[in-house]
PDB file of N, CA and C in Angstrom:
ATOM      1  N   MET A   1     -83.102-119.598  36.895  1.00  0.00           N
ATOM      2  CA  MET A   1     -82.566-120.063  38.162  1.00  0.00           C
ATOM      3  C   MET A   1     -81.430-119.170  38.656  1.00  0.00           C
ATOM      4  N   ASP A   2     -80.674-118.582  37.710  1.00  0.00           N
ATOM      5  CA  ASP A   2     -79.592-117.691  38.111  1.00  0.00           C
ATOM      6  C   ASP A   2     -80.112-116.495  38.895  1.00  0.00           C
ATOM      7  N   ASN A   3     -81.305-116.004  38.484  1.00  0.00           N
ATOM      8  CA  ASN A   3     -81.829-114.850  39.216  1.00  0.00           C
ATOM      9  C   ASN A   3     -82.189-115.228  40.648  1.00  0.00           C
ATOM     10  N   LEU A   4     -82.610-116.459  40.888  1.00  0.00           N
ATOM     11  CA  LEU A   4     -82.902-116.890  42.262  1.00  0.00           C
ATOM     12  C   LEU A   4     -81.646-116.890  43.122  1.00  0.00           C
ATOM     13  N   LEU A   5     -80.538-117.354  42.580  1.00  0.00           N
ATOM     14  CA  LEU A   5     -79.276-117.344  43.327  1.00  0.00           C
ATOM     15  C   LEU A   5     -78.844-115.917  43.636  1.00  0.00           C
ATOM     16  N   HIS A   6     -78.968-115.060  42.639  1.00  0.00           N
ATOM     17  CA  HIS A   6     -78.586-113.661  42.836  1.00  0.00           C
ATOM     18  C   HIS A   6     -79.489-112.993  43.880  1.00  0.00           C
ATOM     19  N   ILE A   7     -80.784-113.203  43.777  1.00  0.00           N
ATOM     20  CA  ILE A   7     -81.729-112.635  44.749  1.00  0.00           C
ATOM     21  C   ILE A   7     -81.391-113.142  46.143  1.00  0.00           C
ATOM     22  N   GLY A   8     -81.115-114.431  46.262  1.00  0.00           N
ATOM     23  CA  GLY A   8     -80.755-115.005  47.560  1.00  0.00           C
ATOM     24  C   GLY A   8     -79.514-114.367  48.150  1.00  0.00           C
ATOM     25  N   LYS A   9     -78.510-114.113  47.323  1.00  0.00           N
ATOM     26  CA  LYS A   9     -77.280-113.469  47.801  1.00  0.00           C
ATOM     27  C   LYS A   9     -77.548-112.047  48.272  1.00  0.00           C
ATOM     28  N   VAL A  10     -78.384-111.334  47.545  1.00  0.00           N
ATOM     29  CA  VAL A  10     -78.693-109.951  47.924  1.00  0.00           C
ATOM     30  C   VAL A  10     -79.494-109.930  49.225  1.00  0.00           C
ATOM     31  N   ILE A  11     -80.435-110.848  49.368  1.00  0.00           N
ATOM     32  CA  ILE A  11     -81.206-110.928  50.614  1.00  0.00           C
ATOM     33  C   ILE A  11     -80.274-111.273  51.780  1.00  0.00           C
ATOM     34  N   SER A  12     -79.348-112.163  51.564  1.00  0.00           N
ATOM     35  CA  SER A  12     -78.372-112.516  52.595  1.00  0.00           C
ATOM     36  C   SER A  12     -77.542-111.296  52.999  1.00  0.00           C
ATOM     37  N   SER A  13     -77.153-110.492  52.015  1.00  0.00           N
ATOM     38  CA  SER A  13     -76.379-109.286  52.334  1.00  0.00           C
ATOM     39  C   SER A  13     -77.220-108.285  53.121  1.00  0.00           C
ATOM     40  N   TYR A  14     -78.528-108.250  52.854  1.00  0.00           N
ATOM     41  CA  TYR A  14     -79.433-107.387  53.625  1.00  0.00           C
ATOM     42  C   TYR A  14     -79.394-107.777  55.102  1.00  0.00           C
ATOM     43  N   TYR A  15     -79.568-109.060  55.377  1.00  0.00           N
ATOM     44  CA  TYR A  15     -79.589-109.511  56.765  1.00  0.00           C
ATOM     45  C   TYR A  15     -78.220-109.428  57.428  1.00  0.00           C
ATOM     46  N   SER A  16     -77.150-109.448  56.656  1.00  0.00           N
ATOM     47  CA  SER A  16     -75.818-109.358  57.249  1.00  0.00           C
ATOM     48  C   SER A  16     -75.552-107.969  57.830  1.00  0.00           C
ATOM     49  N   GLN A  17     -76.350-106.977  57.455  1.00  0.00           N
ATOM     50  CA  GLN A  17     -76.214-105.642  58.040  1.00  0.00           C
ATOM     51  C   GLN A  17     -76.428-105.680  59.548  1.00  0.00           C
ATOM     52  N   LEU A  18     -77.202-106.655  59.998  1.00  0.00           N
ATOM     53  CA  LEU A  18     -77.512-106.763  61.417  1.00  0.00           C
ATOM     54  C   LEU A  18     -76.275-107.109  62.233  1.00  0.00           C
ATOM     55  N   ASN A  19     -75.285-107.733  61.611  1.00  0.00           N
ATOM     56  CA  ASN A  19     -74.077-108.123  62.334  1.00  0.00           C
ATOM     57  C   ASN A  19     -73.329-106.931  62.914  1.00  0.00           C
ATOM     58  N   VAL A  20     -73.493-105.762  62.321  1.00  0.00           N
ATOM     59  CA  VAL A  20     -72.771-104.589  62.811  1.00  0.00           C
ATOM     60  C   VAL A  20     -73.550-103.846  63.891  1.00  0.00           C
ATOM     61  N   LYS A  21     -74.782-104.222  64.139  1.00  0.00           N
ATOM     62  CA  LYS A  21     -75.601-103.560  65.152  1.00  0.00           C
ATOM     63  C   LYS A  21     -75.729-104.459  66.374  1.00  0.00           C
ATOM     64  N   GLU A  22     -75.532-103.878  67.520  1.00  0.00           N
ATOM     65  CA  GLU A  22     -75.738-104.604  68.759  1.00  0.00           C
ATOM     66  C   GLU A  22     -77.230-104.573  69.090  1.00  0.00           C
ATOM     67  N   VAL A  23     -77.859-105.735  69.065  1.00  0.00           N
ATOM     68  CA  VAL A  23     -79.281-105.839  69.365  1.00  0.00           C
ATOM     69  C   VAL A  23     -79.451-105.845  70.885  1.00  0.00           C
ATOM     70  N   THR A  24     -80.382-105.025  71.369  1.00  0.00           N
ATOM     71  CA  THR A  24     -80.545-104.858  72.809  1.00  0.00           C
ATOM     72  C   THR A  24     -81.839-105.505  73.307  1.00  0.00           C
ATOM     73  N   GLU A  25     -81.954-105.589  74.613  1.00  0.00           N
ATOM     74  CA  GLU A  25     -83.196-106.073  75.232  1.00  0.00           C
ATOM     75  C   GLU A  25     -84.354-105.150  74.875  1.00  0.00           C
ATOM     76  N   GLU A  26     -84.072-103.865  74.746  1.00  0.00           N
ATOM     77  CA  GLU A  26     -85.120-102.908  74.354  1.00  0.00           C
ATOM     78  C   GLU A  26     -85.631-103.224  72.943  1.00  0.00           C
ATOM     79  N   ASP A  27     -84.720-103.528  72.017  1.00  0.00           N
ATOM     80  CA  ASP A  27     -85.113-103.934  70.661  1.00  0.00           C
ATOM     81  C   ASP A  27     -86.005-105.170  70.727  1.00  0.00           C
ATOM     82  N   PHE A  28     -85.589-106.132  71.533  1.00  0.00           N
ATOM     83  CA  PHE A  28     -86.335-107.375  71.680  1.00  0.00           C
ATOM     84  C   PHE A  28     -87.732-107.100  72.232  1.00  0.00           C
ATOM     85  N   SER A  29     -87.816-106.259  73.251  1.00  0.00           N
ATOM     86  CA  SER A  29     -89.115-105.925  73.858  1.00  0.00           C
ATOM     87  C   SER A  29     -90.043-105.252  72.857  1.00  0.00           C
ATOM     88  N   LEU A  30     -89.506-104.343  72.055  1.00  0.00           N
ATOM     89  CA  LEU A  30     -90.326-103.676  71.032  1.00  0.00           C
ATOM     90  C   LEU A  30     -90.877-104.686  70.041  1.00  0.00           C
ATOM     91  N   TRP A  31     -90.036-105.630  69.629  1.00  0.00           N
ATOM     92  CA  TRP A  31     -90.475-106.661  68.686  1.00  0.00           C
ATOM     93  C   TRP A  31     -91.536-107.537  69.318  1.00  0.00           C
ATOM     94  N   ILE A  32     -91.313-107.974  70.542  1.00  0.00           N
ATOM     95  CA  ILE A  32     -92.267-108.835  71.239  1.00  0.00           C
ATOM     96  C   ILE A  32     -93.629-108.146  71.308  1.00  0.00           C
ATOM     97  N   GLU A  33     -93.640-106.867  71.626  1.00  0.00           N
ATOM     98  CA  GLU A  33     -94.900-106.124  71.740  1.00  0.00           C
ATOM     99  C   GLU A  33     -95.616-106.001  70.401  1.00  0.00           C
ATOM    100  N   SER A  34     -94.885-106.123  69.301  1.00  0.00           N
ATOM    101  CA  SER A  34     -95.515-106.010  67.983  1.00  0.00           C
ATOM    102  C   SER A  34     -96.165-107.320  67.536  1.00  0.00           C
ATOM    103  N   LEU A  35     -95.907-108.398  68.250  1.00  0.00           N
ATOM    104  CA  LEU A  35     -96.422-109.719  67.864  1.00  0.00           C
ATOM    105  C   LEU A  35     -97.798-109.989  68.455  1.00  0.00           C
ATOM    106  N   GLN A  36     -98.497-110.911  67.819  1.00  0.00           N
ATOM    107  CA  GLN A  36     -99.789-111.378  68.313  1.00  0.00           C
ATOM    108  C   GLN A  36     -99.574-112.680  69.091  1.00  0.00           C
ATOM    109  N   ASP A  37    -100.468-112.934  70.049  1.00  0.00           N
ATOM    110  CA  ASP A  37    -100.445-114.242  70.710  1.00  0.00           C
ATOM    111  C   ASP A  37    -100.883-115.273  69.692  1.00  0.00           C
ATOM    112  N   PRO A  38    -100.386-116.479  69.672  1.00  0.00           N
ATOM    113  CA  PRO A  38     -99.456-117.117  70.611  1.00  0.00           C
ATOM    114  C   PRO A  38     -97.988-116.897  70.266  1.00  0.00           C
ATOM    115  N   MET A  39     -97.691-116.205  69.142  1.00  0.00           N
ATOM    116  CA  MET A  39     -96.290-115.958  68.784  1.00  0.00           C
ATOM    117  C   MET A  39     -95.581-115.153  69.865  1.00  0.00           C
ATOM    118  N   LYS A  40     -96.265-114.163  70.411  1.00  0.00           N
ATOM    119  CA  LYS A  40     -95.670-113.322  71.439  1.00  0.00           C
ATOM    120  C   LYS A  40     -95.185-114.173  72.614  1.00  0.00           C
ATOM    121  N   LYS A  41     -96.041-115.043  73.089  1.00  0.00           N
ATOM    122  CA  LYS A  41     -95.702-115.900  74.228  1.00  0.00           C
ATOM    123  C   LYS A  41     -94.539-116.823  73.880  1.00  0.00           C
ATOM    124  N   HIS A  42     -94.603-117.431  72.704  1.00  0.00           N
ATOM    125  CA  HIS A  42     -93.563-118.376  72.278  1.00  0.00           C
ATOM    126  C   HIS A  42     -92.189-117.712  72.236  1.00  0.00           C
ATOM    127  N   PHE A  43     -92.092-116.570  71.564  1.00  0.00           N
ATOM    128  CA  PHE A  43     -90.793-115.925  71.415  1.00  0.00           C
ATOM    129  C   PHE A  43     -90.332-115.248  72.700  1.00  0.00           C
ATOM    130  N   LYS A  44     -91.244-114.786  73.506  1.00  0.00           N
ATOM    131  CA  LYS A  44     -90.861-114.206  74.794  1.00  0.00           C
ATOM    132  C   LYS A  44     -90.191-115.266  75.660  1.00  0.00           C
ATOM    133  N   GLU A  45     -90.724-116.487  75.609  1.00  0.00           N
ATOM    134  CA  GLU A  45     -90.129-117.594  76.376  1.00  0.00           C
ATOM    135  C   GLU A  45     -88.736-117.941  75.863  1.00  0.00           C
ATOM    136  N   LYS A  46     -88.501-117.799  74.566  1.00  0.00           N
ATOM    137  CA  LYS A  46     -87.182-118.091  73.995  1.00  0.00           C
ATOM    138  C   LYS A  46     -86.154-117.039  74.390  1.00  0.00           C
ATOM    139  N   GLY A  47     -86.607-115.818  74.618  1.00  0.00           N
ATOM    140  CA  GLY A  47     -85.706-114.736  75.011  1.00  0.00           C
ATOM    141  C   GLY A  47     -84.883-114.190  73.856  1.00  0.00           C
ATOM    142  N   LEU A  48     -84.162-113.128  74.151  1.00  0.00           N
ATOM    143  CA  LEU A  48     -83.356-112.446  73.138  1.00  0.00           C
ATOM    144  C   LEU A  48     -82.359-113.394  72.490  1.00  0.00           C
ATOM    145  N   GLU A  49     -81.602-114.121  73.284  1.00  0.00           N
ATOM    146  CA  GLU A  49     -80.574-115.003  72.723  1.00  0.00           C
ATOM    147  C   GLU A  49     -81.182-116.082  71.834  1.00  0.00           C
ATOM    148  N   GLY A  50     -82.329-116.589  72.202  1.00  0.00           N
ATOM    149  CA  GLY A  50     -82.983-117.625  71.424  1.00  0.00           C
ATOM    150  C   GLY A  50     -83.645-117.114  70.157  1.00  0.00           C
ATOM    151  N   CYS A  51     -83.762-115.802  70.031  1.00  0.00           N
ATOM    152  CA  CYS A  51     -84.455-115.223  68.876  1.00  0.00           C
ATOM    153  C   CYS A  51     -83.529-114.473  67.917  1.00  0.00           C
ATOM    154  N   ARG A  52     -82.270-114.396  68.231  1.00  0.00           N
ATOM    155  CA  ARG A  52     -81.346-113.642  67.368  1.00  0.00           C
ATOM    156  C   ARG A  52     -81.376-114.127  65.919  1.00  0.00           C
ATOM    157  N   GLY A  53     -81.585-115.417  65.696  1.00  0.00           N
ATOM    158  CA  GLY A  53     -81.585-115.967  64.351  1.00  0.00           C
ATOM    159  C   GLY A  53     -82.935-115.965  63.662  1.00  0.00           C
ATOM    160  N   VAL A  54     -83.976-115.462  64.322  1.00  0.00           N
ATOM    161  CA  VAL A  54     -85.326-115.441  63.741  1.00  0.00           C
ATOM    162  C   VAL A  54     -85.403-114.303  62.712  1.00  0.00           C
ATOM    163  N   LEU A  55     -85.662-114.676  61.452  1.00  0.00           N
ATOM    164  CA  LEU A  55     -85.665-113.671  60.386  1.00  0.00           C
ATOM    165  C   LEU A  55     -86.673-112.552  60.629  1.00  0.00           C
ATOM    166  N   ASN A  56     -87.821-112.878  61.170  1.00  0.00           N
ATOM    167  CA  ASN A  56     -88.825-111.852  61.452  1.00  0.00           C
ATOM    168  C   ASN A  56     -88.270-110.820  62.433  1.00  0.00           C
ATOM    169  N   PHE A  57     -87.534-111.264  63.430  1.00  0.00           N
ATOM    170  CA  PHE A  57     -86.916-110.364  64.415  1.00  0.00           C
ATOM    171  C   PHE A  57     -85.826-109.529  63.738  1.00  0.00           C
ATOM    172  N   GLN A  58     -84.987-110.166  62.957  1.00  0.00           N
ATOM    173  CA  GLN A  58     -83.918-109.446  62.279  1.00  0.00           C
ATOM    174  C   GLN A  58     -84.477-108.374  61.350  1.00  0.00           C
ATOM    175  N   ARG A  59     -85.503-108.733  60.604  1.00  0.00           N
ATOM    176  CA  ARG A  59     -86.106-107.771  59.679  1.00  0.00           C
ATOM    177  C   ARG A  59     -86.739-106.612  60.453  1.00  0.00           C
ATOM    178  N   PHE A  60     -87.396-106.913  61.567  1.00  0.00           N
ATOM    179  CA  PHE A  60     -87.986-105.872  62.405  1.00  0.00           C
ATOM    180  C   PHE A  60     -86.916-104.865  62.832  1.00  0.00           C
ATOM    181  N   ILE A  61     -85.785-105.366  63.300  1.00  0.00           N
ATOM    182  CA  ILE A  61     -84.705-104.488  63.759  1.00  0.00           C
ATOM    183  C   ILE A  61     -84.198-103.618  62.621  1.00  0.00           C
ATOM    184  N   LEU A  62     -83.947-104.213  61.480  1.00  0.00           N
ATOM    185  CA  LEU A  62     -83.448-103.436  60.343  1.00  0.00           C
ATOM    186  C   LEU A  62     -84.466-102.399  59.889  1.00  0.00           C
ATOM    187  N   GLU A  63     -85.741-102.765  59.906  1.00  0.00           N
ATOM    188  CA  GLU A  63     -86.764-101.818  59.460  1.00  0.00           C
ATOM    189  C   GLU A  63     -86.964-100.680  60.445  1.00  0.00           C
ATOM    190  N   THR A  64     -86.684-100.888  61.720  1.00  0.00           N
ATOM    191  CA  THR A  64     -86.770 -99.777  62.675  1.00  0.00           C
ATOM    192  C   THR A  64     -85.671 -98.763  62.429  1.00  0.00           C
ATOM    193  N   GLU A  65     -84.649 -99.172  61.677  1.00  0.00           N
ATOM    194  CA  GLU A  65     -83.559 -98.263  61.321  1.00  0.00           C
ATOM    195  C   GLU A  65     -83.695 -97.769  59.887  1.00  0.00           C
ATOM    196  N   ASP A  66     -84.926 -97.842  59.356  1.00  0.00           N
ATOM    197  CA  ASP A  66     -85.204 -97.406  57.985  1.00  0.00           C
ATOM    198  C   ASP A  66     -84.403 -98.175  56.947  1.00  0.00           C
ATOM    199  N   LYS A  67     -84.204 -99.463  57.210  1.00  0.00           N
ATOM    200  CA  LYS A  67     -83.504-100.324  56.261  1.00  0.00           C
ATOM    201  C   LYS A  67     -84.442-101.448  55.856  1.00  0.00           C
ATOM    202  N   GLY A  68     -85.517-101.084  55.177  1.00  0.00           N
ATOM    203  CA  GLY A  68     -86.507-102.070  54.775  1.00  0.00           C
ATOM    204  C   GLY A  68     -85.998-102.982  53.671  1.00  0.00           C
ATOM    205  N   LEU A  69     -86.403-104.239  53.737  1.00  0.00           N
ATOM    206  CA  LEU A  69     -85.965-105.225  52.749  1.00  0.00           C
ATOM    207  C   LEU A  69     -86.393-104.834  51.339  1.00  0.00           C
ATOM    208  N   GLU A  70     -87.638-104.434  51.182  1.00  0.00           N
ATOM    209  CA  GLU A  70     -88.129-104.115  49.844  1.00  0.00           C
ATOM    210  C   GLU A  70     -87.345-102.974  49.210  1.00  0.00           C
ATOM    211  N   GLU A  71     -87.105-101.930  49.963  1.00  0.00           N
ATOM    212  CA  GLU A  71     -86.339-100.794  49.439  1.00  0.00           C
ATOM    213  C   GLU A  71     -84.904-101.208  49.120  1.00  0.00           C
ATOM    214  N   TYR A  72     -84.322-102.022  49.989  1.00  0.00           N
ATOM    215  CA  TYR A  72     -82.964-102.516  49.768  1.00  0.00           C
ATOM    216  C   TYR A  72     -82.894-103.296  48.448  1.00  0.00           C
ATOM    217  N   LEU A  73     -83.869-104.182  48.244  1.00  0.00           N
ATOM    218  CA  LEU A  73     -83.876-104.984  47.021  1.00  0.00           C
ATOM    219  C   LEU A  73     -84.090-104.128  45.783  1.00  0.00           C
ATOM    220  N   LYS A  74     -84.927-103.098  45.889  1.00  0.00           N
ATOM    221  CA  LYS A  74     -85.127-102.180  44.757  1.00  0.00           C
ATOM    222  C   LYS A  74     -83.808-101.549  44.335  1.00  0.00           C
ATOM    223  N   ASN A  75     -82.994-101.208  45.323  1.00  0.00           N
ATOM    224  CA  ASN A  75     -81.721-100.540  45.042  1.00  0.00           C
ATOM    225  C   ASN A  75     -80.627-101.494  44.578  1.00  0.00           C
ATOM    226  N   GLU A  76     -80.689-102.740  45.005  1.00  0.00           N
ATOM    227  CA  GLU A  76     -79.594-103.678  44.756  1.00  0.00           C
ATOM    228  C   GLU A  76     -79.827-104.645  43.591  1.00  0.00           C
ATOM    229  N   LEU A  77     -81.074-104.894  43.234  1.00  0.00           N
ATOM    230  CA  LEU A  77     -81.380-105.855  42.179  1.00  0.00           C
ATOM    231  C   LEU A  77     -81.649-105.154  40.854  1.00  0.00           C
ATOM    232  N   THR A  78     -81.519-105.896  39.774  1.00  0.00           N
ATOM    233  CA  THR A  78     -81.969-105.374  38.488  1.00  0.00           C
ATOM    234  C   THR A  78     -83.495-105.262  38.557  1.00  0.00           C
ATOM    235  N   GLU A  79     -84.061-104.486  37.684  1.00  0.00           N
ATOM    236  CA  GLU A  79     -85.515-104.344  37.656  1.00  0.00           C
ATOM    237  C   GLU A  79     -86.186-105.705  37.426  1.00  0.00           C
ATOM    238  N   GLU A  80     -85.606-106.498  36.541  1.00  0.00           N
ATOM    239  CA  GLU A  80     -86.154-107.828  36.254  1.00  0.00           C
ATOM    240  C   GLU A  80     -86.137-108.724  37.497  1.00  0.00           C
ATOM    241  N   ASP A  81     -85.005-108.747  38.205  1.00  0.00           N
ATOM    242  CA  ASP A  81     -84.910-109.582  39.404  1.00  0.00           C
ATOM    243  C   ASP A  81     -85.823-109.073  40.518  1.00  0.00           C
ATOM    244  N   TYR A  82     -85.898-107.755  40.663  1.00  0.00           N
ATOM    245  CA  TYR A  82     -86.780-107.196  41.690  1.00  0.00           C
ATOM    246  C   TYR A  82     -88.235-107.572  41.401  1.00  0.00           C
ATOM    247  N   ASN A  83     -88.663-107.432  40.165  1.00  0.00           N
ATOM    248  CA  ASN A  83     -90.040-107.773  39.805  1.00  0.00           C
ATOM    249  C   ASN A  83     -90.313-109.259  40.035  1.00  0.00           C
ATOM    250  N   TYR A  84     -89.341-110.093  39.738  1.00  0.00           N
ATOM    251  CA  TYR A  84     -89.488-111.527  39.973  1.00  0.00           C
ATOM    252  C   TYR A  84     -89.683-111.788  41.472  1.00  0.00           C
ATOM    253  N   TRP A  85     -88.815-111.190  42.297  1.00  0.00           N
ATOM    254  CA  TRP A  85     -88.929-111.342  43.757  1.00  0.00           C
ATOM    255  C   TRP A  85     -90.288-110.861  44.250  1.00  0.00           C
ATOM    256  N   ARG A  86     -90.679-109.665  43.820  1.00  0.00           N
ATOM    257  CA  ARG A  86     -91.940-109.068  44.253  1.00  0.00           C
ATOM    258  C   ARG A  86     -93.133-109.959  43.880  1.00  0.00           C
ATOM    259  N   ASP A  87     -93.119-110.477  42.678  1.00  0.00           N
ATOM    260  CA  ASP A  87     -94.240-111.275  42.193  1.00  0.00           C
ATOM    261  C   ASP A  87     -94.325-112.648  42.856  1.00  0.00           C
ATOM    262  N   HIS A  88     -93.215-113.154  43.367  1.00  0.00           N
ATOM    263  CA  HIS A  88     -93.194-114.500  43.940  1.00  0.00           C
ATOM    264  C   HIS A  88     -93.035-114.538  45.455  1.00  0.00           C
ATOM    265  N   SER A  89     -92.929-113.393  46.098  1.00  0.00           N
ATOM    266  CA  SER A  89     -92.693-113.399  47.549  1.00  0.00           C
ATOM    267  C   SER A  89     -93.942-113.115  48.373  1.00  0.00           C
ATOM    268  N   LYS A  90     -95.012-112.797  47.755  1.00  0.00           N
ATOM    269  CA  LYS A  90     -96.235-112.450  48.513  1.00  0.00           C
ATOM    270  C   LYS A  90     -97.174-113.621  48.599  1.00  0.00           C
TER     271      LYS A  90
END
């Protein structure tokens, strides 16, 4: 159970990187275009402000800056914790 808490903290630190980046309407439009209907329609209606907290959107933004979650976790977790995350997250 301790590894779950640690993994959760590291994942939280990954997403906190977004706080230093100003997300733009252009970022939002790129993300919207990457979605399939009906998700595209749903999130487009919510708009940028309504989607700032959506993890899929946050991850998309970070990955466009070459800050992928998987690579981040490889670098930040022990091999044991990374393997646990990998085996249970798919």
